[in-house]
Amino acid sequence: MGALALTVIVGAGLVIGFGVQYLTHPRTQLDWLFVAIATGIGASLGREVLANVFGVMAGGPEIDGLVIIPAVITGLVLGLLADAFVRYIALEPA
């Protein structure tokens, strides 16, 4: 995975994180950060685990070694899980 793929992952994570922060009612001012980090980790894991290990969509479209469809799916899933955790499970801010 090259620098362009890493840039796409970081950019997508930030866009989704800021979208969650400004389009919903966040509990804290840092909800976007948790969602952005989880989305980036999910996209990286999706590329590594789904595409390389299990061969899911291994021949699909890619950008600089980043297989797009598994990265998007796992990035969104982990981003949604992080948002749900921060919103409903995490403790109230002090």
Foldseek 3Di string as FASTA:
>chain_A
DDPVVLVVLLVVLQVVLVCCQPVHPALDNCLSVQLSVQLSVQLVCQLCPVCPPVNHCVVADDDPSRRPPSSNVRSVVSSVVSSCCRRPPDDHDD
